[in-house]
Structures are given as C-alpha cells and as structure tokens.
Amino acid sequence: DSNVPVLSTDGMNLFQIVDRAPTLRSSWKMSDTLREEHLVRNARVQLVEQGPVFARFRVDHNFRSSHISEHILFYRTSPRIDFEATIDWQEAGGPDVGVPHLQVSFGGRMSRTRARSEGPFCVAERPADGTEQPMQTWVDLVGDEFGICLLNDCKYGYNALGSRVQLSLLRTAYAPDPDSDRGEHRVRFAFLPHAANVPVAKLVEAGMGYNRQPVSVPSR
C-alpha cells in the first residue's frame, strides 16, 4: 500500500555514541564529530509482559563502560510507542579523548523534510540540516508523505538531517565539570507517527498529554 509510511529499520530507536572533538567550551559548544558508534549488535531482548492493553519488551545494551536497560511498550489501540530507558553512563570526556555524546535516532523514507519543535510559548520550524537545536516536550520531522514526532519528559536538544531525527540524551562535557552527566539516568520518550497534514495543535496536545500522568476514574 503506497499510503503506508515507510520507516527505516536501521534508524528506529537506534542508540548512537558520537565522539566529538575536544574544545575549551565543551559544555556549551557542539564540536566536530570524530567518530560514531551505533549500538546495533549484541543487545539482549526479551518479552516481559503481554496483555490486552500493551506488550512490553526489555532491551539491554552493554557498551564501553556503560549500560542501557530499556523497556519498550507497544499498545494495542494506539500508534504511539513508549520507551523507558535507565542509563548507567560512565563515559569519560577530556582534552585527550573529546566529548562522548549519547543520542537516540529515528528515521523514515520522506521527501522535502522540515523539523518543528516546541519552545517557550512557541513552535519553531527549521530546516533538517543536522544542526543541534533546542526543544522542549517534542520535536517533529515531517515530509510530503508523513511525519514522526518524538515526545520526551526531560531532554532539550535534537538534530534533524534529511529523514532522520536524533534526540540528545547525555554528554560528558569535561569543562568546567569533569564528570558532567556521569551516573545513572532515567529517560522517557515516545515515538508517534502521523499524517503529513496533522495540525501543530495536535502535536502540542500530544506533548502535554505525554508529560501528564493519567488519572484513574472509576466507571459505573
């Protein structure tokens, strides 16, 4: 079916470590990329639970000196996919090794893409040119065919290039704090595909809804 979005299996929930060049202002400046490592092999995957509302999978990554334990929730009646990651980040940065930067990537086969993201009292639209940009509860990459929105509850940076969007998770910027971001972190984010003509108000609503805990109401 030509109307079904074509998503990239190589770029869906793909964790990447980007080692950036050393710089005197590493806490404020995204320097040049020295190398990239994609966490695509040797992950341990298991089905944790399955029921009438959702199925939950657990994925474990051991890499370098760090570990990611991620739960993935697939809902029966919702297109949204939820991710809950506990990250033990122990990568060291410094003037000799640069700045290790952890990202998670999603992508699809889209043409004439553009990025939209929520900011303070606004929604900004920017070209998908790979530049690191600020965001709040969501970033959206949309093309002529469809769009993909990333919702999150605690991260504030992204970059979009072509038909791929990456959420910035952690960085060990060594100056002035030599241990910035080192330690255990819990990150929640979600993937929401949508039609190309979805109103921005629907994305704002999705971001607000994701950042509010559901309330149980008894029914009669």
C-alpha atoms as a PDB file:
ATOM      1  CA  ASP A   1       0.000   0.000   0.000  1.00  0.00           C
ATOM      2  CA  SER A   2       1.568   3.299  -1.117  1.00  0.00           C
ATOM      3  CA  ASN A   3      -0.207   5.168   1.699  1.00  0.00           C
ATOM      4  CA  VAL A   4       1.571   3.229   4.459  1.00  0.00           C
ATOM      5  CA  PRO A   5       4.585   5.128   5.897  1.00  0.00           C
ATOM      6  CA  VAL A   6       7.953   3.532   5.108  1.00  0.00           C
ATOM      7  CA  LEU A   7      10.026   3.599   8.292  1.00  0.00           C
ATOM      8  CA  SER A   8      13.719   2.815   8.468  1.00  0.00           C
ATOM      9  CA  THR A   9      14.502  -0.355  10.439  1.00  0.00           C
ATOM     10  CA  ASP A  10      18.137   0.809  10.694  1.00  0.00           C
ATOM     11  CA  GLY A  11      17.107   4.103  12.282  1.00  0.00           C
ATOM     12  CA  MET A  12      14.313   3.202  14.708  1.00  0.00           C
ATOM     13  CA  ASN A  13      15.285   3.527  18.380  1.00  0.00           C
ATOM     14  CA  LEU A  14      18.959   3.386  17.382  1.00  0.00           C
ATOM     15  CA  PHE A  15      21.315   4.425  20.194  1.00  0.00           C
ATOM     16  CA  GLN A  16      24.496   6.114  18.961  1.00  0.00           C
ATOM     17  CA  ILE A  17      27.631   7.385  20.671  1.00  0.00           C
ATOM     18  CA  VAL A  18      29.097  10.369  18.864  1.00  0.00           C
ATOM     19  CA  ASP A  19      32.637  11.245  19.952  1.00  0.00           C
ATOM     20  CA  ARG A  20      33.167  14.964  19.413  1.00  0.00           C
ATOM     21  CA  ALA A  21      36.451  16.830  19.172  1.00  0.00           C
ATOM     22  CA  PRO A  22      37.963  18.418  22.312  1.00  0.00           C
ATOM     23  CA  THR A  23      37.160  22.069  22.849  1.00  0.00           C
ATOM     24  CA  LEU A  24      37.729  24.596  25.634  1.00  0.00           C
ATOM     25  CA  ARG A  25      33.972  25.303  25.787  1.00  0.00           C
ATOM     26  CA  SER A  26      32.748  21.699  25.734  1.00  0.00           C
ATOM     27  CA  SER A  27      29.739  22.367  27.970  1.00  0.00           C
ATOM     28  CA  TRP A  28      28.380  24.957  25.544  1.00  0.00           C
ATOM     29  CA  LYS A  29      29.743  24.046  22.116  1.00  0.00           C
ATOM     30  CA  MET A  30      28.957  21.057  19.879  1.00  0.00           C
ATOM     31  CA  SER A  31      32.330  20.478  18.245  1.00  0.00           C
ATOM     32  CA  ASP A  32      33.231  18.442  15.151  1.00  0.00           C
ATOM     33  CA  THR A  33      32.409  14.726  15.033  1.00  0.00           C
ATOM     34  CA  LEU A  34      35.437  12.443  15.311  1.00  0.00           C
ATOM     35  CA  ARG A  35      33.657   9.078  15.144  1.00  0.00           C
ATOM     36  CA  GLU A  36      30.256   7.427  15.574  1.00  0.00           C
ATOM     37  CA  GLU A  37      29.385   4.093  17.152  1.00  0.00           C
ATOM     38  CA  HIS A  38      25.945   2.552  16.572  1.00  0.00           C
ATOM     39  CA  LEU A  39      24.582   0.104  19.150  1.00  0.00           C
ATOM     40  CA  VAL A  40      23.099  -2.368  16.667  1.00  0.00           C
ATOM     41  CA  ARG A  41      24.599  -5.688  17.797  1.00  0.00           C
ATOM     42  CA  ASN A  42      24.791  -7.895  20.896  1.00  0.00           C
ATOM     43  CA  ALA A  43      21.695  -6.458  22.563  1.00  0.00           C
ATOM     44  CA  ARG A  44      19.653  -8.802  24.770  1.00  0.00           C
ATOM     45  CA  VAL A  45      15.897  -8.660  24.018  1.00  0.00           C
ATOM     46  CA  GLN A  46      13.110 -10.325  25.990  1.00  0.00           C
ATOM     47  CA  LEU A  47       9.312 -10.126  26.170  1.00  0.00           C
ATOM     48  CA  VAL A  48       8.489  -9.021  29.722  1.00  0.00           C
ATOM     49  CA  GLU A  49       4.697  -8.940  29.691  1.00  0.00           C
ATOM     50  CA  GLN A  50       1.785  -9.127  27.285  1.00  0.00           C
ATOM     51  CA  GLY A  51      -1.844  -8.223  27.885  1.00  0.00           C
ATOM     52  CA  PRO A  52      -4.979  -6.667  26.405  1.00  0.00           C
ATOM     53  CA  VAL A  53      -3.576  -3.100  26.544  1.00  0.00           C
ATOM     54  CA  PHE A  54       0.118  -3.384  25.645  1.00  0.00           C
ATOM     55  CA  ALA A  55       3.116  -5.658  25.216  1.00  0.00           C
ATOM     56  CA  ARG A  56       6.362  -4.756  26.969  1.00  0.00           C
ATOM     57  CA  PHE A  57       9.839  -5.700  25.782  1.00  0.00           C
ATOM     58  CA  ARG A  58      13.140  -5.185  27.579  1.00  0.00           C
ATOM     59  CA  VAL A  59      16.348  -4.450  25.666  1.00  0.00           C
ATOM     60  CA  ASP A  60      19.775  -4.382  27.344  1.00  0.00           C
ATOM     61  CA  HIS A  61      22.895  -2.829  25.821  1.00  0.00           C
ATOM     62  CA  ASN A  62      26.371  -3.178  27.305  1.00  0.00           C
ATOM     63  CA  PHE A  63      28.863  -0.864  25.623  1.00  0.00           C
ATOM     64  CA  ARG A  64      32.232   0.596  26.562  1.00  0.00           C
ATOM     65  CA  SER A  65      31.933   1.363  30.293  1.00  0.00           C
ATOM     66  CA  SER A  66      28.165   1.962  30.267  1.00  0.00           C
ATOM     67  CA  HIS A  67      24.847   0.106  30.231  1.00  0.00           C
ATOM     68  CA  ILE A  68      21.325   0.815  28.924  1.00  0.00           C
ATOM     69  CA  SER A  69      18.263  -1.067  30.136  1.00  0.00           C
ATOM     70  CA  GLU A  70      15.269  -0.052  28.030  1.00  0.00           C
ATOM     71  CA  HIS A  71      11.602  -1.011  28.214  1.00  0.00           C
ATOM     72  CA  ILE A  72       9.547  -0.666  25.006  1.00  0.00           C
ATOM     73  CA  LEU A  73       5.735  -0.588  25.149  1.00  0.00           C
ATOM     74  CA  PHE A  74       3.633  -1.411  22.080  1.00  0.00           C
ATOM     75  CA  TYR A  75      -0.043  -0.532  22.576  1.00  0.00           C
ATOM     76  CA  ARG A  76      -2.914  -2.486  21.060  1.00  0.00           C
ATOM     77  CA  THR A  77      -5.010   0.532  20.028  1.00  0.00           C
ATOM     78  CA  SER A  78      -2.529   3.440  19.957  1.00  0.00           C
ATOM     79  CA  PRO A  79       0.104   4.194  17.295  1.00  0.00           C
ATOM     80  CA  ARG A  80       2.398   5.660  19.968  1.00  0.00           C
ATOM     81  CA  ILE A  81       5.356   3.544  21.118  1.00  0.00           C
ATOM     82  CA  ASP A  82       6.772   4.339  24.554  1.00  0.00           C
ATOM     83  CA  PHE A  83      10.397   3.943  25.635  1.00  0.00           C
ATOM     84  CA  GLU A  84      11.660   3.988  29.210  1.00  0.00           C
ATOM     85  CA  ALA A  85      15.456   3.832  29.460  1.00  0.00           C
ATOM     86  CA  THR A  86      17.631   3.553  32.547  1.00  0.00           C
ATOM     87  CA  ILE A  87      21.165   4.538  31.528  1.00  0.00           C
ATOM     88  CA  ASP A  88      24.275   3.953  33.616  1.00  0.00           C
ATOM     89  CA  TRP A  89      26.523   6.436  31.793  1.00  0.00           C
ATOM     90  CA  GLN A  90      30.189   6.107  32.732  1.00  0.00           C
ATOM     91  CA  GLU A  91      31.943   7.519  29.665  1.00  0.00           C
ATOM     92  CA  ALA A  92      34.777   9.916  30.422  1.00  0.00           C
ATOM     93  CA  GLY A  93      35.478  13.052  28.432  1.00  0.00           C
ATOM     94  CA  GLY A  94      38.651  15.087  28.318  1.00  0.00           C
ATOM     95  CA  PRO A  95      41.058  17.080  26.165  1.00  0.00           C
ATOM     96  CA  ASP A  96      42.688  13.834  25.007  1.00  0.00           C
ATOM     97  CA  VAL A  97      39.507  11.905  24.071  1.00  0.00           C
ATOM     98  CA  GLY A  98      36.966  14.658  23.412  1.00  0.00           C
ATOM     99  CA  VAL A  99      33.271  14.621  24.363  1.00  0.00           C
ATOM    100  CA  PRO A 100      31.253  11.360  24.198  1.00  0.00           C
ATOM    101  CA  HIS A 101      27.652  12.160  23.303  1.00  0.00           C
ATOM    102  CA  LEU A 102      24.763   9.659  23.529  1.00  0.00           C
ATOM    103  CA  GLN A 103      21.818  10.057  21.138  1.00  0.00           C
ATOM    104  CA  VAL A 104      18.825   8.001  20.040  1.00  0.00           C
ATOM    105  CA  SER A 105      17.743   8.096  16.411  1.00  0.00           C
ATOM    106  CA  PHE A 106      14.538   7.539  14.420  1.00  0.00           C
ATOM    107  CA  GLY A 107      14.036   7.801  10.683  1.00  0.00           C
ATOM    108  CA  GLY A 108      11.770   7.136   7.726  1.00  0.00           C
ATOM    109  CA  ARG A 109      11.625   7.495   3.971  1.00  0.00           C
ATOM    110  CA  MET A 110      10.359  11.053   3.486  1.00  0.00           C
ATOM    111  CA  SER A 111      10.960  13.830   0.969  1.00  0.00           C
ATOM    112  CA  ARG A 112      11.265  17.610   1.498  1.00  0.00           C
ATOM    113  CA  THR A 113      11.544  17.216   5.262  1.00  0.00           C
ATOM    114  CA  ARG A 114      11.430  20.002   7.814  1.00  0.00           C
ATOM    115  CA  ALA A 115      11.688  19.979  11.595  1.00  0.00           C
ATOM    116  CA  ARG A 116       9.250  21.544  14.023  1.00  0.00           C
ATOM    117  CA  SER A 117       9.825  21.733  17.761  1.00  0.00           C
ATOM    118  CA  GLU A 118       8.179  23.214  20.814  1.00  0.00           C
ATOM    119  CA  GLY A 119       9.884  26.142  22.530  1.00  0.00           C
ATOM    120  CA  PRO A 120       8.864  28.603  25.248  1.00  0.00           C
ATOM    121  CA  PHE A 121       5.404  29.833  24.178  1.00  0.00           C
ATOM    122  CA  CYS A 122       6.094  28.969  20.541  1.00  0.00           C
ATOM    123  CA  VAL A 123       6.588  26.298  17.893  1.00  0.00           C
ATOM    124  CA  ALA A 124       9.642  26.841  15.680  1.00  0.00           C
ATOM    125  CA  GLU A 125      10.124  25.358  12.202  1.00  0.00           C
ATOM    126  CA  ARG A 126      13.689  24.807  10.986  1.00  0.00           C
ATOM    127  CA  PRO A 127      15.403  23.060   8.061  1.00  0.00           C
ATOM    128  CA  ALA A 128      16.540  19.468   8.613  1.00  0.00           C
ATOM    129  CA  ASP A 129      20.215  20.354   8.127  1.00  0.00           C
ATOM    130  CA  GLY A 130      21.831  18.424  11.017  1.00  0.00           C
ATOM    131  CA  THR A 131      22.332  21.423  13.328  1.00  0.00           C
ATOM    132  CA  GLU A 132      21.787  20.822  17.052  1.00  0.00           C
ATOM    133  CA  GLN A 133      18.701  22.766  18.137  1.00  0.00           C
ATOM    134  CA  PRO A 134      16.782  23.378  21.384  1.00  0.00           C
ATOM    135  CA  MET A 135      13.375  21.875  22.129  1.00  0.00           C
ATOM    136  CA  GLN A 136      11.006  21.185  24.987  1.00  0.00           C
ATOM    137  CA  THR A 137       8.453  18.356  25.151  1.00  0.00           C
ATOM    138  CA  TRP A 138       8.508  17.351  21.464  1.00  0.00           C
ATOM    139  CA  VAL A 139      10.258  17.559  18.113  1.00  0.00           C
ATOM    140  CA  ASP A 140       8.575  16.629  14.855  1.00  0.00           C
ATOM    141  CA  LEU A 141      10.093  15.689  11.495  1.00  0.00           C
ATOM    142  CA  VAL A 142       7.581  15.895   8.660  1.00  0.00           C
ATOM    143  CA  GLY A 143       7.812  15.366   4.917  1.00  0.00           C
ATOM    144  CA  ASP A 144       5.429  15.234   1.990  1.00  0.00           C
ATOM    145  CA  GLU A 145       4.380  11.668   2.835  1.00  0.00           C
ATOM    146  CA  PHE A 146       4.029  11.547   6.648  1.00  0.00           C
ATOM    147  CA  GLY A 147       5.701  12.707   9.854  1.00  0.00           C
ATOM    148  CA  ILE A 148       7.329  11.312  13.004  1.00  0.00           C
ATOM    149  CA  CYS A 149       7.126  13.057  16.356  1.00  0.00           C
ATOM    150  CA  LEU A 150       9.407  12.357  19.329  1.00  0.00           C
ATOM    151  CA  LEU A 151       7.907  13.153  22.720  1.00  0.00           C
ATOM    152  CA  ASN A 152      10.018  13.293  25.876  1.00  0.00           C
ATOM    153  CA  ASP A 153       9.843  14.270  29.524  1.00  0.00           C
ATOM    154  CA  CYS A 154      13.337  15.580  30.337  1.00  0.00           C
ATOM    155  CA  LYS A 155      15.589  16.275  27.308  1.00  0.00           C
ATOM    156  CA  TYR A 156      16.020  19.558  25.483  1.00  0.00           C
ATOM    157  CA  GLY A 157      18.163  19.089  22.376  1.00  0.00           C
ATOM    158  CA  TYR A 158      17.786  17.424  18.978  1.00  0.00           C
ATOM    159  CA  ASN A 159      19.166  17.434  15.484  1.00  0.00           C
ATOM    160  CA  ALA A 160      17.392  16.514  12.253  1.00  0.00           C
ATOM    161  CA  LEU A 161      19.141  15.640   8.998  1.00  0.00           C
ATOM    162  CA  GLY A 162      17.177  14.613   5.928  1.00  0.00           C
ATOM    163  CA  SER A 163      14.676  11.967   7.002  1.00  0.00           C
ATOM    164  CA  ARG A 164      16.371  11.198  10.352  1.00  0.00           C
ATOM    165  CA  VAL A 165      15.852  12.901  13.729  1.00  0.00           C
ATOM    166  CA  GLN A 166      18.018  12.358  16.832  1.00  0.00           C
ATOM    167  CA  LEU A 167      17.232  13.130  20.441  1.00  0.00           C
ATOM    168  CA  SER A 168      20.265  14.163  22.532  1.00  0.00           C
ATOM    169  CA  LEU A 169      20.408  12.190  25.771  1.00  0.00           C
ATOM    170  CA  LEU A 170      23.752  12.576  27.577  1.00  0.00           C
ATOM    171  CA  ARG A 171      27.158  14.237  27.122  1.00  0.00           C
ATOM    172  CA  THR A 172      30.311  14.091  29.240  1.00  0.00           C
ATOM    173  CA  ALA A 173      31.398  17.670  28.648  1.00  0.00           C
ATOM    174  CA  TYR A 174      34.591  17.821  30.705  1.00  0.00           C
ATOM    175  CA  ALA A 175      34.934  21.602  31.144  1.00  0.00           C
ATOM    176  CA  PRO A 176      34.259  23.024  33.655  1.00  0.00           C
ATOM    177  CA  ASP A 177      32.748  19.859  35.241  1.00  0.00           C
ATOM    178  CA  PRO A 178      34.905  16.768  34.510  1.00  0.00           C
ATOM    179  CA  ASP A 179      32.067  14.378  35.439  1.00  0.00           C
ATOM    180  CA  SER A 180      29.061  16.076  33.857  1.00  0.00           C
ATOM    181  CA  ASP A 181      26.221  13.588  33.180  1.00  0.00           C
ATOM    182  CA  ARG A 182      28.196  10.615  34.535  1.00  0.00           C
ATOM    183  CA  GLY A 183      25.963   8.387  36.647  1.00  0.00           C
ATOM    184  CA  GLU A 184      22.514   6.805  36.378  1.00  0.00           C
ATOM    185  CA  HIS A 185      19.715   8.486  34.452  1.00  0.00           C
ATOM    186  CA  ARG A 186      16.101   7.603  33.709  1.00  0.00           C
ATOM    187  CA  VAL A 187      14.774   8.894  30.398  1.00  0.00           C
ATOM    188  CA  ARG A 188      11.262   8.579  28.964  1.00  0.00           C
ATOM    189  CA  PHE A 189      10.497   9.277  25.326  1.00  0.00           C
ATOM    190  CA  ALA A 190       7.942   8.155  22.761  1.00  0.00           C
ATOM    191  CA  PHE A 191       7.616   7.735  19.005  1.00  0.00           C
ATOM    192  CA  LEU A 192       4.405   8.943  17.355  1.00  0.00           C
ATOM    193  CA  PRO A 193       3.907   8.595  13.565  1.00  0.00           C
ATOM    194  CA  HIS A 194       1.270  10.783  11.943  1.00  0.00           C
ATOM    195  CA  ALA A 195      -0.154  12.061   8.665  1.00  0.00           C
ATOM    196  CA  ALA A 196       1.717  14.836   6.850  1.00  0.00           C
ATOM    197  CA  ASN A 197      -1.088  17.357   7.353  1.00  0.00           C
ATOM    198  CA  VAL A 198      -1.555  16.928  11.105  1.00  0.00           C
ATOM    199  CA  PRO A 199      -2.158  20.318  12.797  1.00  0.00           C
ATOM    200  CA  VAL A 200       0.568  21.637  15.079  1.00  0.00           C
ATOM    201  CA  ALA A 201      -2.043  21.876  17.837  1.00  0.00           C
ATOM    202  CA  LYS A 202      -2.303  18.074  17.831  1.00  0.00           C
ATOM    203  CA  LEU A 203       1.447  17.784  18.434  1.00  0.00           C
ATOM    204  CA  VAL A 204       1.265  20.287  21.282  1.00  0.00           C
ATOM    205  CA  GLU A 205      -1.601  18.255  22.749  1.00  0.00           C
ATOM    206  CA  ALA A 206       0.405  15.033  22.409  1.00  0.00           C
ATOM    207  CA  GLY A 207       3.406  16.582  24.173  1.00  0.00           C
ATOM    208  CA  MET A 208       1.264  17.889  27.013  1.00  0.00           C
ATOM    209  CA  GLY A 209      -0.502  14.550  27.368  1.00  0.00           C
ATOM    210  CA  TYR A 210       2.739  12.608  27.489  1.00  0.00           C
ATOM    211  CA  ASN A 211       4.054  14.787  30.315  1.00  0.00           C
ATOM    212  CA  ARG A 212       0.957  14.362  32.494  1.00  0.00           C
ATOM    213  CA  GLN A 213       0.288  11.206  34.457  1.00  0.00           C
ATOM    214  CA  PRO A 214      -3.025   9.517  33.594  1.00  0.00           C
ATOM    215  CA  VAL A 215      -5.754   9.786  36.191  1.00  0.00           C
ATOM    216  CA  SER A 216      -7.833   6.734  37.082  1.00  0.00           C
ATOM    217  CA  VAL A 217     -11.567   7.382  37.160  1.00  0.00           C
ATOM    218  CA  PRO A 218     -13.955   4.663  38.400  1.00  0.00           C
ATOM    219  CA  SER A 219     -16.712   3.751  35.931  1.00  0.00           C
ATOM    220  CA  ARG A 220     -20.199   2.549  36.686  1.00  0.00           C
END
